[in-house]
Amino acid sequence: MQFNTMPTKCNICGGSVEYLNMKDVGIRPFQSGKCYYCTACGAYVGTHQKRPKEALGILADSEGRKLRALCHSEFDLHWVSLSGKNKLYFRLSKALGIQSEMCHFGYMDNGMLRKAYKVMKSWGDMKLR
């Protein structure tokens, strides 16, 4: 992975990041219930259920979390099988000019998420099997 799985500096504002319980900062717990939280701007990222010290991606602000959800929703309209899902990630990675293993919405900043959404919208009714 090309991002820090245990961030100490916010990728959005450069502020200090702390490893905390989500509920302690008013975030509805998911996955492990832990997060990396920026004390300056409030951006955060959850951590893996089985590896609670490992971030799921880069920190996201409110806009980034909305964009991630929007991208996931659009992406899910275009695949029917696991094979189709993998092919779709590969296709998206090529369109974005990134490595296929880095084609994960949690690894993308807001600009890349907007670009990914635009690419996926251009697919129309296409579905991969």
Protein backbone atom coordinates (compact mmCIF):
# COMPACT_ATOMS: atom_id res chain seq x y z
CA MET A 1 0.00 0.00 0.00
CA GLN A 2 1.13 3.50 -0.71
CA PHE A 3 -0.62 5.20 2.19
CA ASN A 4 0.28 5.21 5.88
CA THR A 5 -1.85 2.58 7.60
CA MET A 6 -1.17 4.25 10.97
CA PRO A 7 -1.30 7.98 10.19
CA THR A 8 -0.06 10.61 12.62
CA LYS A 9 -0.50 13.62 10.27
CA CYS A 10 -3.75 14.53 8.50
CA ASN A 11 -3.63 14.18 4.71
CA ILE A 12 -6.19 17.01 4.44
CA CYS A 13 -4.98 19.79 6.76
CA GLY A 14 -1.64 18.53 8.10
CA GLY A 15 -2.99 18.47 11.67
CA SER A 16 -2.20 15.93 14.36
CA VAL A 17 -3.95 12.56 14.11
CA GLU A 18 -4.81 10.40 17.11
CA TYR A 19 -5.90 6.76 17.34
CA LEU A 20 -9.20 6.78 19.26
CA ASN A 21 -12.47 4.99 19.97
CA MET A 22 -15.04 6.29 17.50
CA LYS A 23 -17.73 6.74 20.13
CA ASP A 24 -15.39 9.00 22.15
CA VAL A 25 -15.46 11.58 19.35
CA GLY A 26 -19.14 11.16 18.42
CA ILE A 27 -18.72 8.82 15.46
CA ARG A 28 -21.10 5.90 15.03
CA PRO A 29 -18.84 2.84 15.42
CA PHE A 30 -18.21 0.54 12.46
CA GLN A 31 -15.65 -2.18 11.70
CA SER A 32 -13.34 -2.23 14.76
CA GLY A 33 -14.91 0.80 16.48
CA LYS A 34 -11.51 2.53 16.35
CA CYS A 35 -10.37 5.35 14.09
CA TYR A 36 -7.59 7.74 13.22
CA TYR A 37 -8.99 11.19 13.95
CA CYS A 38 -7.56 14.61 13.08
CA THR A 39 -7.74 16.85 16.14
CA ALA A 40 -7.49 19.96 13.93
CA CYS A 41 -10.16 19.44 11.23
CA GLY A 42 -12.16 16.40 12.41
CA ALA A 43 -11.37 14.21 9.39
CA TYR A 44 -11.18 10.53 10.21
CA VAL A 45 -10.84 7.01 8.89
CA GLY A 46 -11.99 3.77 10.50
CA THR A 47 -9.82 0.73 11.02
CA HIS A 48 -10.06 -2.92 10.02
CA GLN A 49 -12.09 -5.29 12.18
CA LYS A 50 -9.35 -7.94 12.33
CA ARG A 51 -6.44 -5.46 12.33
CA PRO A 52 -7.75 -2.57 14.45
CA LYS A 53 -4.51 -0.55 14.26
CA GLU A 54 -4.63 -0.56 10.43
CA ALA A 55 -6.54 2.27 8.72
CA LEU A 56 -9.10 1.35 6.06
CA GLY A 57 -7.75 4.15 3.84
CA ILE A 58 -6.83 7.81 4.09
CA LEU A 59 -8.62 10.29 6.36
CA ALA A 60 -11.77 11.83 4.89
CA ASP A 61 -13.71 14.97 5.71
CA SER A 62 -17.50 15.20 5.40
CA GLU A 63 -17.34 15.78 1.64
CA GLY A 64 -14.96 12.85 1.19
CA ARG A 65 -17.22 10.49 3.14
CA LYS A 66 -20.19 11.54 1.00
CA LEU A 67 -18.15 11.09 -2.19
CA ARG A 68 -17.01 7.63 -1.08
CA ALA A 69 -20.61 6.55 -0.46
CA LEU A 70 -21.69 8.01 -3.81
CA CYS A 71 -18.87 6.21 -5.63
CA HIS A 72 -19.65 2.90 -3.93
CA SER A 73 -23.31 3.21 -4.90
CA GLU A 74 -22.49 3.99 -8.52
CA PHE A 75 -19.84 1.24 -8.72
CA ASP A 76 -22.28 -1.37 -7.39
CA LEU A 77 -24.69 -0.65 -10.27
CA HIS A 78 -22.14 -1.98 -12.76
CA TRP A 79 -21.20 -5.47 -11.58
CA VAL A 80 -23.10 -8.73 -11.22
CA SER A 81 -20.48 -11.26 -10.06
CA LEU A 82 -17.22 -11.20 -8.12
CA SER A 83 -15.42 -11.65 -11.43
CA GLY A 84 -17.31 -8.65 -12.82
CA LYS A 85 -16.43 -6.60 -9.74
CA ASN A 86 -12.72 -7.35 -10.17
CA LYS A 87 -12.86 -6.52 -13.90
CA LEU A 88 -14.63 -3.27 -13.07
CA TYR A 89 -11.97 -2.20 -10.55
CA PHE A 90 -9.34 -2.96 -13.20
CA ARG A 91 -11.24 -0.91 -15.81
CA LEU A 92 -11.65 1.99 -13.38
CA SER A 93 -7.95 1.92 -12.43
CA LYS A 94 -6.96 2.20 -16.10
CA ALA A 95 -9.37 5.11 -16.64
CA LEU A 96 -7.93 6.89 -13.59
CA GLY A 97 -4.31 6.11 -14.45
CA ILE A 98 -3.61 4.35 -11.15
CA GLN A 99 -2.41 0.86 -10.21
CA SER A 100 -5.29 -1.61 -9.91
CA GLU A 101 -4.30 -2.51 -6.33
CA MET A 102 -4.70 1.15 -5.38
CA CYS A 103 -8.16 1.40 -6.96
CA HIS A 104 -10.12 1.55 -3.73
CA PHE A 105 -12.38 4.46 -2.83
CA GLY A 106 -10.90 4.59 0.67
CA TYR A 107 -7.48 5.34 -0.81
CA MET A 108 -8.71 8.27 -2.94
CA ASP A 109 -8.77 11.97 -2.08
CA ASN A 110 -11.78 14.11 -2.96
CA GLY A 111 -10.44 15.11 -6.37
CA MET A 112 -9.83 11.50 -7.40
CA LEU A 113 -13.24 10.46 -6.04
CA ARG A 114 -14.92 13.11 -8.21
CA LYS A 115 -12.98 11.86 -11.24
CA ALA A 116 -13.88 8.22 -10.46
CA TYR A 117 -17.56 9.12 -10.15
CA LYS A 118 -17.50 10.91 -13.51
CA VAL A 119 -15.86 7.88 -15.17
CA MET A 120 -18.40 5.49 -13.67
CA LYS A 121 -21.36 7.68 -14.70
CA SER A 122 -20.05 7.51 -18.29
CA TRP A 123 -20.54 3.72 -18.21
CA GLY A 124 -24.33 4.19 -18.45
CA ASP A 125 -26.16 0.87 -18.01
CA MET A 126 -23.07 -1.31 -18.48
CA LYS A 127 -22.86 -4.33 -16.17
CA LEU A 128 -19.93 -6.78 -16.00
CA ARG A 129 -20.32 -10.44 -15.13
